[in-house]
Amino acid sequence: MSASDEENITARAVDTAAALFGVAMQPEWRAAAMMNFATLTGAAGLVLAFPLEDEAEYGPVFHP
């Protein structure tokens, strides 16, 4: 996938998320929103790539 394709996918994802959440995206916010989305996507990829065994135990749940 080319950098242009990735940028188009990111732009569409940012536009879709803004519409779903009812955010009126200002033009000056767009570059920062796209950079943030790309950073979060990269971090999510690292988490999803971490192998877990099927027998992995869940962490404790906090109940106040």
PDB file of N, CA and C in Angstrom:
ATOM      1  N   MET A   1       0.858  -1.172   0.000  1.00  0.00           N
ATOM      2  CA  MET A   1       0.000   0.000   0.000  1.00  0.00           C
ATOM      3  C   MET A   1       0.905   1.236   0.000  1.00  0.00           C
ATOM      4  N   SER A   2       0.583   2.173  -0.842  1.00  0.00           N
ATOM      5  CA  SER A   2       1.411   3.376  -0.948  1.00  0.00           C
ATOM      6  C   SER A   2       1.052   4.370   0.160  1.00  0.00           C
ATOM      7  N   ALA A   3       1.928   5.329   0.355  1.00  0.00           N
ATOM      8  CA  ALA A   3       1.691   6.362   1.371  1.00  0.00           C
ATOM      9  C   ALA A   3       0.436   7.160   1.033  1.00  0.00           C
ATOM     10  N   SER A   4       0.191   7.361  -0.251  1.00  0.00           N
ATOM     11  CA  SER A   4      -1.005   8.090  -0.681  1.00  0.00           C
ATOM     12  C   SER A   4      -2.277   7.316  -0.322  1.00  0.00           C
ATOM     13  N   ASP A   5      -2.238   5.994  -0.515  1.00  0.00           N
ATOM     14  CA  ASP A   5      -3.388   5.160  -0.148  1.00  0.00           C
ATOM     15  C   ASP A   5      -3.636   5.220   1.350  1.00  0.00           C
ATOM     16  N   GLU A   6      -2.561   5.120   2.137  1.00  0.00           N
ATOM     17  CA  GLU A   6      -2.701   5.176   3.590  1.00  0.00           C
ATOM     18  C   GLU A   6      -3.256   6.525   4.032  1.00  0.00           C
ATOM     19  N   GLU A   7      -2.805   7.600   3.394  1.00  0.00           N
ATOM     20  CA  GLU A   7      -3.309   8.931   3.742  1.00  0.00           C
ATOM     21  C   GLU A   7      -4.788   9.065   3.394  1.00  0.00           C
ATOM     22  N   ASN A   8      -5.192   8.497   2.258  1.00  0.00           N
ATOM     23  CA  ASN A   8      -6.608   8.542   1.874  1.00  0.00           C
ATOM     24  C   ASN A   8      -7.470   7.758   2.851  1.00  0.00           C
ATOM     25  N   ILE A   9      -6.984   6.599   3.287  1.00  0.00           N
ATOM     26  CA  ILE A   9      -7.727   5.791   4.250  1.00  0.00           C
ATOM     27  C   ILE A   9      -7.840   6.539   5.572  1.00  0.00           C
ATOM     28  N   THR A  10      -6.742   7.147   6.007  1.00  0.00           N
ATOM     29  CA  THR A  10      -6.755   7.919   7.253  1.00  0.00           C
ATOM     30  C   THR A  10      -7.724   9.090   7.149  1.00  0.00           C
ATOM     31  N   ALA A  11      -7.700   9.799   6.035  1.00  0.00           N
ATOM     32  CA  ALA A  11      -8.593  10.949   5.844  1.00  0.00           C
ATOM     33  C   ALA A  11     -10.050  10.510   5.893  1.00  0.00           C
ATOM     34  N   ARG A  12     -10.370   9.387   5.241  1.00  0.00           N
ATOM     35  CA  ARG A  12     -11.753   8.894   5.264  1.00  0.00           C
ATOM     36  C   ARG A  12     -12.164   8.466   6.662  1.00  0.00           C
ATOM     37  N   ALA A  13     -11.236   7.844   7.391  1.00  0.00           N
ATOM     38  CA  ALA A  13     -11.552   7.409   8.753  1.00  0.00           C
ATOM     39  C   ALA A  13     -11.799   8.608   9.663  1.00  0.00           C
ATOM     40  N   VAL A  14     -10.987   9.641   9.540  1.00  0.00           N
ATOM     41  CA  VAL A  14     -11.159  10.853  10.353  1.00  0.00           C
ATOM     42  C   VAL A  14     -12.485  11.529  10.011  1.00  0.00           C
ATOM     43  N   ASP A  15     -12.797  11.635   8.735  1.00  0.00           N
ATOM     44  CA  ASP A  15     -14.064  12.245   8.322  1.00  0.00           C
ATOM     45  C   ASP A  15     -15.262  11.445   8.836  1.00  0.00           C
ATOM     46  N   THR A  16     -15.173  10.122   8.740  1.00  0.00           N
ATOM     47  CA  THR A  16     -16.269   9.264   9.198  1.00  0.00           C
ATOM     48  C   THR A  16     -16.453   9.378  10.705  1.00  0.00           C
ATOM     49  N   ALA A  17     -15.338   9.336  11.455  1.00  0.00           N
ATOM     50  CA  ALA A  17     -15.423   9.444  12.912  1.00  0.00           C
ATOM     51  C   ALA A  17     -16.005  10.796  13.323  1.00  0.00           C
ATOM     52  N   ALA A  18     -15.571  11.854  12.670  1.00  0.00           N
ATOM     53  CA  ALA A  18     -16.100  13.180  12.995  1.00  0.00           C
ATOM     54  C   ALA A  18     -17.602  13.237  12.750  1.00  0.00           C
ATOM     55  N   ALA A  19     -18.041  12.661  11.643  1.00  0.00           N
ATOM     56  CA  ALA A  19     -19.471  12.658  11.333  1.00  0.00           C
ATOM     57  C   ALA A  19     -20.250  11.813  12.346  1.00  0.00           C
ATOM     58  N   LEU A  20     -19.714  10.652  12.709  1.00  0.00           N
ATOM     59  CA  LEU A  20     -20.402   9.780  13.667  1.00  0.00           C
ATOM     60  C   LEU A  20     -20.543  10.430  15.041  1.00  0.00           C
ATOM     61  N   PHE A  21     -19.521  11.179  15.441  1.00  0.00           N
ATOM     62  CA  PHE A  21     -19.555  11.829  16.749  1.00  0.00           C
ATOM     63  C   PHE A  21     -20.162  13.226  16.702  1.00  0.00           C
ATOM     64  N   GLY A  22     -20.558  13.669  15.523  1.00  0.00           N
ATOM     65  CA  GLY A  22     -21.188  14.974  15.387  1.00  0.00           C
ATOM     66  C   GLY A  22     -20.224  16.138  15.573  1.00  0.00           C
ATOM     67  N   VAL A  23     -18.949  15.920  15.233  1.00  0.00           N
ATOM     68  CA  VAL A  23     -17.941  16.971  15.377  1.00  0.00           C
ATOM     69  C   VAL A  23     -17.837  17.728  14.055  1.00  0.00           C
ATOM     70  N   ALA A  24     -17.998  19.035  14.120  1.00  0.00           N
ATOM     71  CA  ALA A  24     -17.800  19.867  12.934  1.00  0.00           C
ATOM     72  C   ALA A  24     -16.299  20.101  12.792  1.00  0.00           C
ATOM     73  N   MET A  25     -15.654  19.295  11.939  1.00  0.00           N
ATOM     74  CA  MET A  25     -14.202  19.342  11.789  1.00  0.00           C
ATOM     75  C   MET A  25     -13.778  20.656  11.137  1.00  0.00           C
ATOM     76  N   GLN A  26     -13.002  21.416  11.878  1.00  0.00           N
ATOM     77  CA  GLN A  26     -12.451  22.657  11.348  1.00  0.00           C
ATOM     78  C   GLN A  26     -11.246  22.327  10.464  1.00  0.00           C
ATOM     79  N   PRO A  27     -11.056  23.050   9.372  1.00  0.00           N
ATOM     80  CA  PRO A  27      -9.931  22.747   8.473  1.00  0.00           C
ATOM     81  C   PRO A  27      -8.573  22.763   9.184  1.00  0.00           C
ATOM     82  N   GLU A  28      -8.410  23.642  10.163  1.00  0.00           N
ATOM     83  CA  GLU A  28      -7.119  23.726  10.849  1.00  0.00           C
ATOM     84  C   GLU A  28      -6.886  22.548  11.805  1.00  0.00           C
ATOM     85  N   TRP A  29      -7.910  21.781  12.099  1.00  0.00           N
ATOM     86  CA  TRP A  29      -7.775  20.603  12.972  1.00  0.00           C
ATOM     87  C   TRP A  29      -7.414  19.345  12.190  1.00  0.00           C
ATOM     88  N   ARG A  30      -7.687  19.345  10.910  1.00  0.00           N
ATOM     89  CA  ARG A  30      -7.601  18.134  10.092  1.00  0.00           C
ATOM     90  C   ARG A  30      -6.225  17.476  10.120  1.00  0.00           C
ATOM     91  N   ALA A  31      -5.161  18.227   9.925  1.00  0.00           N
ATOM     92  CA  ALA A  31      -3.812  17.639   9.900  1.00  0.00           C
ATOM     93  C   ALA A  31      -3.476  16.995  11.241  1.00  0.00           C
ATOM     94  N   ALA A  32      -3.814  17.657  12.343  1.00  0.00           N
ATOM     95  CA  ALA A  32      -3.531  17.102  13.668  1.00  0.00           C
ATOM     96  C   ALA A  32      -4.380  15.858  13.924  1.00  0.00           C
ATOM     97  N   ALA A  33      -5.629  15.877  13.513  1.00  0.00           N
ATOM     98  CA  ALA A  33      -6.507  14.719  13.704  1.00  0.00           C
ATOM     99  C   ALA A  33      -6.000  13.525  12.900  1.00  0.00           C
ATOM    100  N   MET A  34      -5.556  13.771  11.689  1.00  0.00           N
ATOM    101  CA  MET A  34      -5.026  12.691  10.861  1.00  0.00           C
ATOM    102  C   MET A  34      -3.738  12.127  11.448  1.00  0.00           C
ATOM    103  N   MET A  35      -2.866  12.985  11.964  1.00  0.00           N
ATOM    104  CA  MET A  35      -1.624  12.522  12.573  1.00  0.00           C
ATOM    105  C   MET A  35      -1.926  11.703  13.830  1.00  0.00           C
ATOM    106  N   ASN A  36      -2.867  12.162  14.638  1.00  0.00           N
ATOM    107  CA  ASN A  36      -3.252  11.441  15.848  1.00  0.00           C
ATOM    108  C   ASN A  36      -3.840  10.077  15.492  1.00  0.00           C
ATOM    109  N   PHE A  37      -4.706  10.023  14.498  1.00  0.00           N
ATOM    110  CA  PHE A  37      -5.306   8.757  14.082  1.00  0.00           C
ATOM    111  C   PHE A  37      -4.235   7.780  13.597  1.00  0.00           C
ATOM    112  N   ALA A  38      -3.289   8.271  12.809  1.00  0.00           N
ATOM    113  CA  ALA A  38      -2.218   7.408  12.310  1.00  0.00           C
ATOM    114  C   ALA A  38      -1.363   6.883  13.463  1.00  0.00           C
ATOM    115  N   THR A  39      -1.098   7.718  14.451  1.00  0.00           N
ATOM    116  CA  THR A  39      -0.318   7.293  15.617  1.00  0.00           C
ATOM    117  C   THR A  39      -1.072   6.229  16.404  1.00  0.00           C
ATOM    118  N   LEU A  40      -2.364   6.448  16.641  1.00  0.00           N
ATOM    119  CA  LEU A  40      -3.173   5.478  17.370  1.00  0.00           C
ATOM    120  C   LEU A  40      -3.304   4.158  16.612  1.00  0.00           C
ATOM    121  N   THR A  41      -3.412   4.237  15.305  1.00  0.00           N
ATOM    122  CA  THR A  41      -3.485   3.029  14.490  1.00  0.00           C
ATOM    123  C   THR A  41      -2.198   2.223  14.610  1.00  0.00           C
ATOM    124  N   GLY A  42      -1.068   2.914  14.615  1.00  0.00           N
ATOM    125  CA  GLY A  42       0.215   2.228  14.786  1.00  0.00           C
ATOM    126  C   GLY A  42       0.324   1.560  16.142  1.00  0.00           C
ATOM    127  N   ALA A  43      -0.119   2.250  17.182  1.00  0.00           N
ATOM    128  CA  ALA A  43      -0.076   1.676  18.532  1.00  0.00           C
ATOM    129  C   ALA A  43      -1.017   0.470  18.626  1.00  0.00           C
ATOM    130  N   ALA A  44      -2.183   0.562  18.037  1.00  0.00           N
ATOM    131  CA  ALA A  44      -3.126  -0.557  18.052  1.00  0.00           C
ATOM    132  C   ALA A  44      -2.538  -1.764  17.326  1.00  0.00           C
ATOM    133  N   GLY A  45      -1.810  -1.517  16.255  1.00  0.00           N
ATOM    134  CA  GLY A  45      -1.165  -2.607  15.527  1.00  0.00           C
ATOM    135  C   GLY A  45      -0.161  -3.349  16.391  1.00  0.00           C
ATOM    136  N   LEU A  46       0.583  -2.613  17.212  1.00  0.00           N
ATOM    137  CA  LEU A  46       1.536  -3.259  18.113  1.00  0.00           C
ATOM    138  C   LEU A  46       0.823  -4.119  19.148  1.00  0.00           C
ATOM    139  N   VAL A  47      -0.260  -3.616  19.696  1.00  0.00           N
ATOM    140  CA  VAL A  47      -1.016  -4.385  20.692  1.00  0.00           C
ATOM    141  C   VAL A  47      -1.615  -5.640  20.058  1.00  0.00           C
ATOM    142  N   LEU A  48      -2.215  -5.492  18.887  1.00  0.00           N
ATOM    143  CA  LEU A  48      -2.849  -6.631  18.231  1.00  0.00           C
ATOM    144  C   LEU A  48      -1.834  -7.671  17.763  1.00  0.00           C
ATOM    145  N   ALA A  49      -0.600  -7.253  17.500  1.00  0.00           N
ATOM    146  CA  ALA A  49       0.428  -8.176  17.033  1.00  0.00           C
ATOM    147  C   ALA A  49       1.029  -9.006  18.167  1.00  0.00           C
ATOM    148  N   PHE A  50       0.778  -8.618  19.422  1.00  0.00           N
ATOM    149  CA  PHE A  50       1.342  -9.340  20.554  1.00  0.00           C
ATOM    150  C   PHE A  50       0.627 -10.676  20.704  1.00  0.00           C
ATOM    151  N   PRO A  51       1.386 -11.764  20.653  1.00  0.00           N
ATOM    152  CA  PRO A  51       0.732 -13.075  20.721  1.00  0.00           C
ATOM    153  C   PRO A  51       0.247 -13.404  22.133  1.00  0.00           C
ATOM    154  N   LEU A  52      -0.975 -13.860  22.221  1.00  0.00           N
ATOM    155  CA  LEU A  52      -1.542 -14.327  23.489  1.00  0.00           C
ATOM    156  C   LEU A  52      -2.012 -15.763  23.299  1.00  0.00           C
ATOM    157  N   GLU A  53      -1.755 -16.563  24.290  1.00  0.00           N
ATOM    158  CA  GLU A  53      -2.232 -17.941  24.245  1.00  0.00           C
ATOM    159  C   GLU A  53      -3.721 -17.954  24.575  1.00  0.00           C
ATOM    160  N   ASP A  54      -4.395 -18.979  24.140  1.00  0.00           N
ATOM    161  CA  ASP A  54      -5.817 -19.101  24.422  1.00  0.00           C
ATOM    162  C   ASP A  54      -6.090 -19.244  25.915  1.00  0.00           C
ATOM    163  N   GLU A  55      -5.095 -19.718  26.652  1.00  0.00           N
ATOM    164  CA  GLU A  55      -5.264 -19.926  28.080  1.00  0.00           C
ATOM    165  C   GLU A  55      -4.895 -18.690  28.906  1.00  0.00           C
ATOM    166  N   ALA A  56      -4.638 -17.581  28.263  1.00  0.00           N
ATOM    167  CA  ALA A  56      -4.236 -16.362  28.983  1.00  0.00           C
ATOM    168  C   ALA A  56      -5.343 -15.964  29.962  1.00  0.00           C
ATOM    169  N   GLU A  57      -4.929 -15.602  31.176  1.00  0.00           N
ATOM    170  CA  GLU A  57      -5.898 -15.210  32.197  1.00  0.00           C
ATOM    171  C   GLU A  57      -6.203 -13.718  32.077  1.00  0.00           C
ATOM    172  N   TYR A  58      -7.437 -13.381  32.323  1.00  0.00           N
ATOM    173  CA  TYR A  58      -7.831 -11.983  32.315  1.00  0.00           C
ATOM    174  C   TYR A  58      -7.312 -11.313  33.580  1.00  0.00           C
ATOM    175  N   GLY A  59      -7.055 -10.021  33.484  1.00  0.00           N
ATOM    176  CA  GLY A  59      -6.640  -9.269  34.657  1.00  0.00           C
ATOM    177  C   GLY A  59      -7.823  -9.036  35.582  1.00  0.00           C
ATOM    178  N   PRO A  60      -7.522  -8.677  36.817  1.00  0.00           N
ATOM    179  CA  PRO A  60      -8.608  -8.422  37.764  1.00  0.00           C
ATOM    180  C   PRO A  60      -9.418  -7.202  37.334  1.00  0.00           C
ATOM    181  N   VAL A  61     -10.659  -7.181  37.729  1.00  0.00           N
ATOM    182  CA  VAL A  61     -11.547  -6.068  37.410  1.00  0.00           C
ATOM    183  C   VAL A  61     -11.786  -5.284  38.691  1.00  0.00           C
ATOM    184  N   PHE A  62     -11.622  -3.992  38.619  1.00  0.00           N
ATOM    185  CA  PHE A  62     -11.827  -3.128  39.775  1.00  0.00           C
ATOM    186  C   PHE A  62     -13.303  -2.804  39.923  1.00  0.00           C
ATOM    187  N   HIS A  63     -13.842  -3.049  41.088  1.00  0.00           N
ATOM    188  CA  HIS A  63     -15.235  -2.700  41.407  1.00  0.00           C
ATOM    189  C   HIS A  63     -15.193  -1.773  42.615  1.00  0.00           C
ATOM    190  N   PRO A  64     -15.533  -0.508  42.450  1.00  0.00           N
ATOM    191  CA  PRO A  64     -15.477   0.424  43.604  1.00  0.00           C
ATOM    192  C   PRO A  64     -16.524   0.115  44.659  1.00  0.00           C
TER     193      PRO A  64
END
